[in-house]
Amino acid sequence: MAKKATIEGMAELEAMMKRLDKVPQRVVTKAAKAGANIPYKAAKADAPEDTGALKAGIILKPERRTKLGKKVYDVLMNPAMNETFVKITKDGTRYYYPASQEYGFMTANGEYVPGYHYFRNAMTRNARAIEEKVIEVASKDVTKILRG
């Protein structure tokens, strides 16, 4: 009985993809989206919740493809919700609410309120899980294609 082929790391996945002349775009897109869903869900879960607008404003957006065989997804704040997120203080200073929650802010009396780092932590805490998910999804499709 034949042994099941498994791909252990990103280097092995890249080597298998090079064996293919052209990697089908659907394989790359599917793997990238599966990996991007991990920090997307983590950022939504970790975002501070006062009115719920911050969690609702986090979106997963694909970048425009510039190179065949490449796909990138961004986890970002919805630009359509800028009116909700841009706040103006009494003295006329504008600030961006999601950034103040991510990085922290100074209060009126000069105290510093630390940020929640919900975006940064979504990536750093899940880096290994993201890589494993991309490898898992892509390797499944690549091995299917190589087998014929």
Protein backbone atom coordinates (compact mmCIF):
# COMPACT_ATOMS: atom_id res chain seq x y z
CA MET A 1 0.00 0.00 0.00
CA ALA A 2 1.33 3.44 -0.91
CA LYS A 3 2.34 5.79 1.84
CA LYS A 4 0.30 9.01 2.09
CA ALA A 5 2.35 12.00 1.04
CA THR A 6 2.38 14.79 3.60
CA ILE A 7 3.98 18.18 3.43
CA GLU A 8 5.66 19.20 6.67
CA GLY A 9 6.74 22.79 6.12
CA MET A 10 6.56 25.86 3.94
CA ALA A 11 9.80 24.92 2.13
CA GLU A 12 8.38 21.54 1.11
CA LEU A 13 5.16 23.19 -0.08
CA GLU A 14 7.14 25.67 -2.20
CA ALA A 15 9.17 22.79 -3.69
CA MET A 16 5.99 20.91 -4.61
CA MET A 17 4.51 24.04 -6.18
CA LYS A 18 7.67 24.45 -8.27
CA ARG A 19 7.13 20.92 -9.60
CA LEU A 20 3.93 22.22 -11.12
CA ASP A 21 4.48 24.45 -14.13
CA LYS A 22 1.76 26.84 -13.05
CA VAL A 23 0.02 26.78 -9.70
CA PRO A 24 -3.71 27.17 -10.26
CA GLN A 25 -4.90 30.47 -8.85
CA ARG A 26 -7.79 28.77 -7.04
CA VAL A 27 -5.29 26.75 -4.96
CA VAL A 28 -3.40 29.86 -3.90
CA THR A 29 -6.58 31.83 -3.19
CA LYS A 30 -8.12 29.04 -1.12
CA ALA A 31 -4.95 28.58 0.98
CA ALA A 32 -4.44 32.32 1.51
CA LYS A 33 -8.03 32.83 2.60
CA ALA A 34 -7.91 29.89 5.00
CA GLY A 35 -4.78 31.34 6.60
CA ALA A 36 -6.18 34.87 6.72
CA ASN A 37 -9.36 33.75 8.45
CA ILE A 38 -7.38 32.88 11.59
CA PRO A 39 -6.16 36.42 12.42
CA TYR A 40 -9.46 37.86 11.15
CA LYS A 41 -11.46 35.83 13.66
CA ALA A 42 -8.90 36.46 16.42
CA ALA A 43 -8.96 40.25 15.85
CA LYS A 44 -12.77 40.26 15.94
CA ALA A 45 -12.78 38.19 19.14
CA ASP A 46 -10.15 40.34 20.90
CA ALA A 47 -11.42 43.77 19.85
CA PRO A 48 -12.85 45.82 22.70
CA GLU A 49 -16.62 45.90 22.67
CA ASP A 50 -18.45 49.00 23.77
CA THR A 51 -21.00 49.60 21.03
CA GLY A 52 -19.94 46.68 18.81
CA ALA A 53 -18.92 49.00 15.96
CA LEU A 54 -15.23 48.13 16.33
CA LYS A 55 -15.85 44.41 15.92
CA ALA A 56 -18.28 45.04 13.08
CA GLY A 57 -15.73 47.25 11.33
CA ILE A 58 -13.04 44.56 11.01
CA ILE A 59 -13.07 43.09 7.52
CA LEU A 60 -11.09 40.62 5.44
CA LYS A 61 -10.24 42.13 2.07
CA PRO A 62 -8.30 40.55 -0.79
CA GLU A 63 -5.62 42.67 -2.41
CA ARG A 64 -5.74 43.08 -6.15
CA ARG A 65 -3.68 40.40 -7.81
CA THR A 66 -0.58 41.71 -9.52
CA LYS A 67 1.19 38.42 -10.07
CA LEU A 68 -0.27 35.09 -11.08
CA GLY A 69 0.10 32.49 -8.37
CA LYS A 70 0.03 35.03 -5.55
CA LYS A 71 -2.84 36.07 -3.30
CA VAL A 72 -2.79 38.33 -0.24
CA TYR A 73 -5.61 39.10 2.17
CA ASP A 74 -5.64 42.10 4.52
CA VAL A 75 -7.37 42.20 7.87
CA LEU A 76 -8.30 45.85 8.26
CA MET A 77 -10.89 48.35 9.38
CA ASN A 78 -13.73 48.93 6.93
CA PRO A 79 -13.08 52.26 5.15
CA ALA A 80 -16.84 52.67 4.66
CA MET A 81 -17.16 53.05 8.45
CA ASN A 82 -14.74 56.01 8.76
CA GLU A 83 -17.55 58.31 9.82
CA THR A 84 -18.16 56.02 12.77
CA PHE A 85 -14.49 55.76 13.71
CA VAL A 86 -13.15 59.30 13.22
CA LYS A 87 -13.85 61.25 16.40
CA ILE A 88 -13.35 64.95 17.04
CA THR A 89 -12.54 66.23 20.51
CA LYS A 90 -13.94 69.45 22.01
CA ASP A 91 -10.80 71.34 21.00
CA GLY A 92 -11.17 70.17 17.36
CA THR A 93 -8.49 67.46 17.32
CA ARG A 94 -9.35 64.48 15.14
CA TYR A 95 -8.46 60.96 16.19
CA TYR A 96 -9.10 57.52 14.80
CA TYR A 97 -10.92 55.38 17.36
CA PRO A 98 -9.59 51.94 16.22
CA ALA A 99 -6.00 53.20 16.40
CA SER A 100 -6.52 54.60 19.90
CA GLN A 101 -7.85 51.23 21.03
CA GLU A 102 -4.98 49.34 19.36
CA TYR A 103 -2.08 51.54 20.54
CA GLY A 104 -3.46 53.41 23.55
CA PHE A 105 -4.16 57.06 24.20
CA MET A 106 -3.66 59.94 26.61
CA THR A 107 -6.61 61.07 28.71
CA ALA A 108 -7.53 64.70 29.31
CA ASN A 109 -5.76 64.68 32.68
CA GLY A 110 -2.51 63.35 31.13
CA GLU A 111 -2.77 59.68 32.06
CA TYR A 112 -1.85 57.05 29.51
CA VAL A 113 -4.37 54.29 28.79
CA PRO A 114 -2.57 51.34 27.19
CA GLY A 115 -3.92 49.81 23.99
CA TYR A 116 -5.45 46.39 23.57
CA HIS A 117 -3.22 45.39 20.61
CA TYR A 118 -6.03 43.28 19.18
CA PHE A 119 -4.66 43.47 15.62
CA ARG A 120 -1.02 42.85 16.52
CA ASN A 121 -1.85 39.96 18.85
CA ALA A 122 -4.10 38.38 16.22
CA MET A 123 -1.03 37.92 14.02
CA THR A 124 1.75 37.27 16.52
CA ARG A 125 -0.15 34.78 18.68
CA ASN A 126 -1.39 32.83 15.67
CA ALA A 127 1.63 32.93 13.33
CA ARG A 128 2.31 29.20 13.59
CA ALA A 129 -1.39 28.28 13.21
CA ILE A 130 -1.65 30.51 10.12
CA GLU A 131 1.36 28.88 8.48
CA GLU A 132 0.07 25.38 9.31
CA LYS A 133 -3.37 26.15 7.87
CA VAL A 134 -1.93 27.54 4.63
CA ILE A 135 0.30 24.48 4.28
CA GLU A 136 -2.56 22.09 5.05
CA VAL A 137 -5.00 23.60 2.56
CA ALA A 138 -2.47 24.17 -0.22
CA SER A 139 -0.79 20.79 0.14
CA LYS A 140 -4.13 18.99 -0.13
CA ASP A 141 -4.86 20.66 -3.46
CA VAL A 142 -1.30 20.43 -4.79
CA THR A 143 -1.03 16.70 -4.05
CA LYS A 144 -4.42 16.17 -5.72
CA ILE A 145 -3.17 17.95 -8.84
CA LEU A 146 0.16 16.10 -8.90
CA ARG A 147 -1.59 12.73 -8.59
CA GLY A 148 -3.70 13.58 -11.59
